[in-house]
Amino acid sequence: MLKIRLQRVGRKHDPSFRVVLTDSRSGPKSLKHIEMLGSYDARGGRVPSLKGERITHWIAKGAQVSDTVHNLLIKNKVIRGKKIAVASKKNAGKKQQEEANAAVPAQDVNGGTTQTSPTETAAEEKTSDAAVSGASSDEVMPEAMSAEVKE
């Protein structure tokens, strides 16, 4: 499948990009591209130079457009449509952290968790069995499990 994407060509701390048509299986850093369709200077206030006719030609042939290039083409009125929400790497890390925090089980009134793992349940059963039979917890459980219970 063909893809229209950005290829970074700028030096360190001075990003500039080429808009290229490439095979989707080749990485964006590989210098293999079929056609260069324009350029974009991220830091400068210059208008990107885009070959609008060639871009619409390749889109009509079935080439897919990356989200960032899609937004760039809409901004420069090469194509029509709505912009796609593209998160930066900084914001993406925050979103993943928020999702991980939301997945933590809620605590009940007594301070325990409402969900217990199977290993915690098995360890609790063995300690209660040992208390009933009068044996110590070290005799019933292996060392690894007894260390978990003591903590």
C-alpha atoms as a PDB file:
ATOM      1  CA  MET A   1       0.000   0.000   0.000  1.00  0.00           C
ATOM      2  CA  LEU A   2       1.249   3.490  -0.793  1.00  0.00           C
ATOM      3  CA  LYS A   3       1.340   6.144   1.888  1.00  0.00           C
ATOM      4  CA  ILE A   4       1.851   9.899   1.812  1.00  0.00           C
ATOM      5  CA  ARG A   5       3.842  10.836   4.900  1.00  0.00           C
ATOM      6  CA  LEU A   6       6.459  13.197   6.277  1.00  0.00           C
ATOM      7  CA  GLN A   7      10.156  12.380   6.090  1.00  0.00           C
ATOM      8  CA  ARG A   8      12.439  14.384   8.354  1.00  0.00           C
ATOM      9  CA  VAL A   9      15.429  15.926   6.611  1.00  0.00           C
ATOM     10  CA  GLY A  10      16.344  18.780   8.951  1.00  0.00           C
ATOM     11  CA  ARG A  11      19.309  18.855  11.269  1.00  0.00           C
ATOM     12  CA  LYS A  12      19.191  18.551  15.030  1.00  0.00           C
ATOM     13  CA  HIS A  13      16.791  21.051  16.698  1.00  0.00           C
ATOM     14  CA  ASP A  14      15.832  22.457  13.269  1.00  0.00           C
ATOM     15  CA  PRO A  15      13.084  20.204  11.898  1.00  0.00           C
ATOM     16  CA  SER A  16      12.132  20.368   8.263  1.00  0.00           C
ATOM     17  CA  PHE A  17      10.299  17.671   6.373  1.00  0.00           C
ATOM     18  CA  ARG A  18       9.656  16.314   2.910  1.00  0.00           C
ATOM     19  CA  VAL A  19       6.176  15.177   1.957  1.00  0.00           C
ATOM     20  CA  VAL A  20       6.863  11.890   0.190  1.00  0.00           C
ATOM     21  CA  LEU A  21       4.973   9.043  -1.418  1.00  0.00           C
ATOM     22  CA  THR A  22       6.396   5.778  -0.130  1.00  0.00           C
ATOM     23  CA  ASP A  23       5.550   2.149   0.390  1.00  0.00           C
ATOM     24  CA  SER A  24       3.902   1.731   3.793  1.00  0.00           C
ATOM     25  CA  ARG A  25       6.225  -1.152   4.677  1.00  0.00           C
ATOM     26  CA  SER A  26       9.358   0.991   4.434  1.00  0.00           C
ATOM     27  CA  GLY A  27      10.076   3.143   7.456  1.00  0.00           C
ATOM     28  CA  PRO A  28       9.851   6.922   7.423  1.00  0.00           C
ATOM     29  CA  LYS A  29      13.591   7.231   8.063  1.00  0.00           C
ATOM     30  CA  SER A  30      14.564   5.120   5.083  1.00  0.00           C
ATOM     31  CA  LEU A  31      15.478   7.220   2.091  1.00  0.00           C
ATOM     32  CA  LYS A  32      13.369   5.040  -0.196  1.00  0.00           C
ATOM     33  CA  HIS A  33      10.481   7.007  -1.634  1.00  0.00           C
ATOM     34  CA  ILE A  34       8.652   6.873  -4.917  1.00  0.00           C
ATOM     35  CA  GLU A  35       8.019  10.576  -5.380  1.00  0.00           C
ATOM     36  CA  MET A  36       8.679  13.760  -3.451  1.00  0.00           C
ATOM     37  CA  LEU A  37       5.410  15.712  -3.235  1.00  0.00           C
ATOM     38  CA  GLY A  38       6.538  18.796  -1.340  1.00  0.00           C
ATOM     39  CA  SER A  39       8.358  20.171   1.654  1.00  0.00           C
ATOM     40  CA  TYR A  40       7.394  21.589   5.036  1.00  0.00           C
ATOM     41  CA  ASP A  41       9.449  23.690   7.456  1.00  0.00           C
ATOM     42  CA  ALA A  42       8.044  23.107  10.931  1.00  0.00           C
ATOM     43  CA  ARG A  43       9.774  26.003  12.696  1.00  0.00           C
ATOM     44  CA  GLY A  44       9.589  28.668  10.028  1.00  0.00           C
ATOM     45  CA  GLY A  45       6.469  30.638   9.275  1.00  0.00           C
ATOM     46  CA  ARG A  46       6.797  29.796   5.592  1.00  0.00           C
ATOM     47  CA  VAL A  47       3.943  28.244   3.673  1.00  0.00           C
ATOM     48  CA  PRO A  48       4.774  24.648   2.747  1.00  0.00           C
ATOM     49  CA  SER A  49       5.445  23.987  -0.904  1.00  0.00           C
ATOM     50  CA  LEU A  50       3.124  21.178  -1.959  1.00  0.00           C
ATOM     51  CA  LYS A  51       2.411  19.670  -5.365  1.00  0.00           C
ATOM     52  CA  GLY A  52      -1.376  19.685  -5.023  1.00  0.00           C
ATOM     53  CA  GLU A  53      -2.159  18.073  -8.370  1.00  0.00           C
ATOM     54  CA  ARG A  54       0.210  15.167  -7.776  1.00  0.00           C
ATOM     55  CA  ILE A  55      -1.086  14.673  -4.236  1.00  0.00           C
ATOM     56  CA  THR A  56      -4.729  14.507  -5.394  1.00  0.00           C
ATOM     57  CA  HIS A  57      -3.626  12.203  -8.229  1.00  0.00           C
ATOM     58  CA  TRP A  58      -2.059   9.716  -5.809  1.00  0.00           C
ATOM     59  CA  ILE A  59      -4.973   9.942  -3.375  1.00  0.00           C
ATOM     60  CA  ALA A  60      -7.324   9.116  -6.269  1.00  0.00           C
ATOM     61  CA  LYS A  61      -5.118   6.085  -7.072  1.00  0.00           C
ATOM     62  CA  GLY A  62      -5.617   4.834  -3.482  1.00  0.00           C
ATOM     63  CA  ALA A  63      -2.636   6.199  -1.561  1.00  0.00           C
ATOM     64  CA  GLN A  64      -3.334   6.632   2.163  1.00  0.00           C
ATOM     65  CA  VAL A  65      -2.439   9.890   3.890  1.00  0.00           C
ATOM     66  CA  SER A  66      -0.925  10.041   7.384  1.00  0.00           C
ATOM     67  CA  ASP A  67      -2.871  12.037   9.984  1.00  0.00           C
ATOM     68  CA  THR A  68      -0.356  14.893  10.164  1.00  0.00           C
ATOM     69  CA  VAL A  69      -0.128  15.221   6.386  1.00  0.00           C
ATOM     70  CA  HIS A  70      -3.933  15.082   6.200  1.00  0.00           C
ATOM     71  CA  ASN A  71      -4.160  18.078   8.556  1.00  0.00           C
ATOM     72  CA  LEU A  72      -1.433  19.887   6.593  1.00  0.00           C
ATOM     73  CA  LEU A  73      -3.299  19.356   3.306  1.00  0.00           C
ATOM     74  CA  ILE A  74      -6.556  20.647   4.798  1.00  0.00           C
ATOM     75  CA  LYS A  75      -4.809  23.713   6.212  1.00  0.00           C
ATOM     76  CA  ASN A  76      -3.346  24.528   2.786  1.00  0.00           C
ATOM     77  CA  LYS A  77      -6.660  23.784   1.022  1.00  0.00           C
ATOM     78  CA  VAL A  78      -5.337  20.953  -1.119  1.00  0.00           C
ATOM     79  CA  ILE A  79      -8.152  18.678   0.077  1.00  0.00           C
ATOM     80  CA  ARG A  80     -11.387  19.257   1.990  1.00  0.00           C
ATOM     81  CA  GLY A  81     -12.502  17.640   5.198  1.00  0.00           C
ATOM     82  CA  LYS A  82     -12.194  17.790   8.950  1.00  0.00           C
ATOM     83  CA  LYS A  83      -8.885  17.775  10.744  1.00  0.00           C
ATOM     84  CA  ILE A  84      -7.878  14.692  12.690  1.00  0.00           C
ATOM     85  CA  ALA A  85      -6.846  15.014  16.337  1.00  0.00           C
ATOM     86  CA  VAL A  86      -3.157  14.102  16.429  1.00  0.00           C
ATOM     87  CA  ALA A  87      -1.560  13.855  19.878  1.00  0.00           C
ATOM     88  CA  SER A  88       2.066  14.779  20.304  1.00  0.00           C
ATOM     89  CA  LYS A  89       4.460  12.385  22.020  1.00  0.00           C
ATOM     90  CA  LYS A  90       4.378  14.507  25.181  1.00  0.00           C
ATOM     91  CA  ASN A  91       0.594  14.344  25.478  1.00  0.00           C
ATOM     92  CA  ALA A  92       0.429  10.683  24.474  1.00  0.00           C
ATOM     93  CA  GLY A  93       2.508   9.690  27.527  1.00  0.00           C
ATOM     94  CA  LYS A  94       0.182  11.608  29.829  1.00  0.00           C
ATOM     95  CA  LYS A  95      -2.877   9.914  28.315  1.00  0.00           C
ATOM     96  CA  GLN A  96      -1.378   6.457  28.829  1.00  0.00           C
ATOM     97  CA  GLN A  97      -0.565   7.296  32.445  1.00  0.00           C
ATOM     98  CA  GLU A  98      -4.118   8.539  33.064  1.00  0.00           C
ATOM     99  CA  GLU A  99      -5.545   5.351  31.537  1.00  0.00           C
ATOM    100  CA  ALA A 100      -3.281   3.229  33.756  1.00  0.00           C
ATOM    101  CA  ASN A 101      -4.402   5.133  36.854  1.00  0.00           C
ATOM    102  CA  ALA A 102      -8.047   4.616  35.898  1.00  0.00           C
ATOM    103  CA  ALA A 103      -7.464   0.836  35.665  1.00  0.00           C
ATOM    104  CA  VAL A 104      -6.343   0.570  39.324  1.00  0.00           C
ATOM    105  CA  PRO A 105      -9.045  -1.213  41.365  1.00  0.00           C
ATOM    106  CA  ALA A 106     -11.047   0.895  43.787  1.00  0.00           C
ATOM    107  CA  GLN A 107     -10.582   0.460  47.535  1.00  0.00           C
ATOM    108  CA  ASP A 108     -13.457  -0.420  49.818  1.00  0.00           C
ATOM    109  CA  VAL A 109     -14.269   1.249  53.145  1.00  0.00           C
ATOM    110  CA  ASN A 110     -11.945  -1.009  55.192  1.00  0.00           C
ATOM    111  CA  GLY A 111      -8.921  -0.086  53.074  1.00  0.00           C
ATOM    112  CA  GLY A 112      -8.720  -3.379  51.151  1.00  0.00           C
ATOM    113  CA  THR A 113      -9.096  -3.696  47.435  1.00  0.00           C
ATOM    114  CA  THR A 114     -12.361  -4.855  45.968  1.00  0.00           C
ATOM    115  CA  GLN A 115     -10.608  -7.158  43.496  1.00  0.00           C
ATOM    116  CA  THR A 116      -8.138  -9.848  44.618  1.00  0.00           C
ATOM    117  CA  SER A 117      -5.805 -11.830  42.421  1.00  0.00           C
ATOM    118  CA  PRO A 118      -5.913 -15.662  42.408  1.00  0.00           C
ATOM    119  CA  THR A 119      -2.523 -15.891  44.177  1.00  0.00           C
ATOM    120  CA  GLU A 120      -3.717 -13.631  46.992  1.00  0.00           C
ATOM    121  CA  THR A 121      -6.860 -15.737  47.387  1.00  0.00           C
ATOM    122  CA  ALA A 122      -4.846 -18.994  47.484  1.00  0.00           C
ATOM    123  CA  ALA A 123      -2.414 -17.572  50.063  1.00  0.00           C
ATOM    124  CA  GLU A 124      -5.301 -16.435  52.281  1.00  0.00           C
ATOM    125  CA  GLU A 125      -6.919 -19.875  52.096  1.00  0.00           C
ATOM    126  CA  LYS A 126      -3.700 -21.636  53.092  1.00  0.00           C
ATOM    127  CA  THR A 127      -3.137 -19.357  56.078  1.00  0.00           C
ATOM    128  CA  SER A 128      -6.705 -19.884  57.265  1.00  0.00           C
ATOM    129  CA  ASP A 129      -6.310 -23.688  56.844  1.00  0.00           C
ATOM    130  CA  ALA A 130      -3.086 -23.586  58.868  1.00  0.00           C
ATOM    131  CA  ALA A 131      -4.766 -21.622  61.643  1.00  0.00           C
ATOM    132  CA  VAL A 132      -7.593 -24.160  61.814  1.00  0.00           C
ATOM    133  CA  SER A 133      -5.268 -27.188  61.894  1.00  0.00           C
ATOM    134  CA  GLY A 134      -2.900 -25.554  64.407  1.00  0.00           C
ATOM    135  CA  ALA A 135       0.154 -25.772  62.137  1.00  0.00           C
ATOM    136  CA  SER A 136       2.392 -22.801  61.513  1.00  0.00           C
ATOM    137  CA  SER A 137       2.172 -20.988  58.201  1.00  0.00           C
ATOM    138  CA  ASP A 138       5.775 -21.985  57.308  1.00  0.00           C
ATOM    139  CA  GLU A 139       4.874 -25.679  57.454  1.00  0.00           C
ATOM    140  CA  VAL A 140       1.929 -25.299  55.077  1.00  0.00           C
ATOM    141  CA  MET A 141       3.214 -22.772  52.549  1.00  0.00           C
ATOM    142  CA  PRO A 142       6.405 -22.686  50.518  1.00  0.00           C
ATOM    143  CA  GLU A 143       8.891 -19.957  51.376  1.00  0.00           C
ATOM    144  CA  ALA A 144       8.012 -17.734  48.433  1.00  0.00           C
ATOM    145  CA  MET A 145       4.341 -17.619  49.344  1.00  0.00           C
ATOM    146  CA  SER A 146       5.000 -17.142  53.048  1.00  0.00           C
ATOM    147  CA  ALA A 147       7.131 -14.090  52.252  1.00  0.00           C
ATOM    148  CA  GLU A 148       4.180 -12.577  50.389  1.00  0.00           C
ATOM    149  CA  VAL A 149       1.816 -13.194  53.313  1.00  0.00           C
ATOM    150  CA  LYS A 150       4.215 -11.727  55.919  1.00  0.00           C
ATOM    151  CA  GLU A 151       4.544  -8.494  53.949  1.00  0.00           C
END
